[in-house]
Amino acid sequence: EQAWVTCSSRAACDQIWNSTRLYVQLYSRTPINCLNDSLIETEVPHESGIAYFWAERTTDVSGTTTIRLKGMCRGMYASNGDPAWTYGICANQIRRAEMGFRGVVGEVQ
């Protein structure tokens, strides 16, 4: 819930998007494999219990852009959808990244 920011002007959104890229690089142990104007995505790690991240940039009909950070771990959930043995480790990594997101990338209007 805390891992999003909004912006209205192209310049402000570009600044936040660049900060988001740096933030994703800081928190992910895998490199970015997709980077464009609407998606920043890191590679999925080979090991379980290591978080990887992605950010999405969307604009609504009013012109407000929202940038969201999301995270996941390989092996975080069992095949039946229940939390797997790495869930606690993964959740902590993702929570740390998500909780600091707004404070680091800022909210520019």
Protein backbone atom coordinates (compact mmCIF):
# COMPACT_ATOMS: atom_id res chain seq x y z
CA GLU A 1 0.00 0.00 0.00
CA GLN A 2 2.92 2.38 0.62
CA ALA A 3 4.86 1.54 -2.52
CA TRP A 4 3.40 4.07 -4.96
CA VAL A 5 3.74 7.71 -5.86
CA THR A 6 1.83 10.03 -8.17
CA CYS A 7 2.93 12.85 -10.44
CA SER A 8 1.31 15.11 -13.02
CA SER A 9 3.96 16.76 -15.18
CA ARG A 10 6.14 14.81 -17.61
CA ALA A 11 9.32 16.27 -16.10
CA ALA A 12 8.33 15.31 -12.54
CA CYS A 13 7.27 11.83 -13.63
CA ASP A 14 10.52 11.30 -15.54
CA GLN A 15 12.49 12.37 -12.46
CA ILE A 16 10.57 9.95 -10.22
CA TRP A 17 10.87 7.18 -12.83
CA ASN A 18 14.65 7.61 -12.90
CA SER A 19 14.75 7.53 -9.08
CA THR A 20 12.59 4.41 -9.21
CA ARG A 21 15.11 2.71 -11.52
CA LEU A 22 17.92 3.49 -9.08
CA TYR A 23 15.79 2.27 -6.17
CA VAL A 24 15.02 -1.02 -7.93
CA GLN A 25 18.73 -1.50 -8.64
CA LEU A 26 19.53 -0.84 -4.98
CA TYR A 27 17.07 -3.39 -3.59
CA SER A 28 17.30 -6.16 -6.17
CA ARG A 29 20.10 -8.70 -6.14
CA THR A 30 19.45 -9.41 -9.82
CA PRO A 31 20.02 -6.97 -12.71
CA ILE A 32 17.33 -5.08 -14.58
CA ASN A 33 16.31 -7.00 -17.69
CA CYS A 34 13.52 -4.72 -18.93
CA LEU A 35 13.53 -0.94 -18.83
CA ASN A 36 11.21 1.33 -20.79
CA ASP A 37 8.78 4.21 -20.14
CA SER A 38 6.21 1.99 -18.39
CA LEU A 39 8.11 -0.96 -16.89
CA ILE A 40 11.27 -1.60 -14.89
CA GLU A 41 11.79 -5.30 -14.23
CA THR A 42 14.65 -7.29 -12.76
CA GLU A 43 15.58 -10.86 -13.59
CA VAL A 44 14.02 -13.62 -11.54
CA PRO A 45 16.78 -15.11 -9.35
CA HIS A 46 17.69 -18.76 -9.70
CA GLU A 47 17.59 -19.29 -5.93
CA SER A 48 14.51 -19.34 -3.72
CA GLY A 49 14.17 -16.72 -1.01
CA ILE A 50 15.73 -13.83 -2.94
CA ALA A 51 13.42 -10.94 -3.82
CA TYR A 52 13.15 -9.47 -7.28
CA PHE A 53 11.31 -6.27 -8.11
CA TRP A 54 9.45 -4.47 -10.83
CA ALA A 55 7.87 -1.05 -11.17
CA GLU A 56 4.98 0.01 -13.35
CA ARG A 57 4.13 3.48 -14.62
CA THR A 58 0.52 4.13 -15.64
CA THR A 59 -1.41 7.29 -16.49
CA ASP A 60 -5.15 7.67 -15.97
CA VAL A 61 -7.61 9.70 -18.08
CA SER A 62 -7.10 12.80 -15.89
CA GLY A 63 -3.37 12.81 -16.69
CA THR A 64 -2.20 11.68 -13.25
CA THR A 65 0.62 9.16 -13.43
CA THR A 66 1.05 6.50 -10.76
CA ILE A 67 4.32 4.64 -10.28
CA ARG A 68 4.09 1.42 -8.26
CA LEU A 69 6.81 -0.84 -6.90
CA LYS A 70 6.15 -4.56 -6.50
CA GLY A 71 8.23 -7.50 -5.34
CA MET A 72 8.18 -11.29 -5.32
CA CYS A 73 10.45 -14.23 -4.57
CA ARG A 74 10.88 -17.52 -6.34
CA GLY A 75 9.45 -20.16 -4.03
CA MET A 76 7.46 -17.68 -1.94
CA TYR A 77 4.24 -19.63 -2.48
CA ALA A 78 3.56 -23.35 -2.71
CA SER A 79 1.84 -24.81 -5.77
CA ASN A 80 -1.50 -24.68 -3.94
CA GLY A 81 -1.10 -20.93 -3.27
CA ASP A 82 -0.25 -21.24 0.42
CA PRO A 83 2.87 -19.55 1.81
CA ALA A 84 5.98 -21.70 1.28
CA TRP A 85 8.95 -22.12 3.63
CA THR A 86 10.67 -18.99 2.23
CA TYR A 87 7.61 -16.77 2.67
CA GLY A 88 8.80 -15.03 5.86
CA ILE A 89 12.26 -14.30 4.45
CA CYS A 90 10.77 -12.98 1.22
CA ALA A 91 8.06 -10.92 2.87
CA ASN A 92 10.66 -9.13 5.00
CA GLN A 93 12.80 -8.23 1.97
CA ILE A 94 9.79 -6.97 0.02
CA ARG A 95 8.34 -5.07 2.98
CA ARG A 96 11.64 -3.21 3.57
CA ALA A 97 11.80 -2.14 -0.06
CA GLU A 98 8.14 -1.16 -0.25
CA MET A 99 8.11 0.78 3.04
CA GLY A 100 11.03 2.99 2.01
CA PHE A 101 9.92 3.61 -1.56
CA ARG A 102 7.91 6.82 -1.15
CA GLY A 103 10.45 8.40 1.18
CA VAL A 104 13.32 7.82 -1.23
CA VAL A 105 11.81 8.51 -4.66
CA GLY A 106 9.59 11.33 -3.37
CA GLU A 107 6.30 12.64 -4.54
CA VAL A 108 6.60 15.52 -6.96
CA GLN A 109 3.60 17.48 -8.25
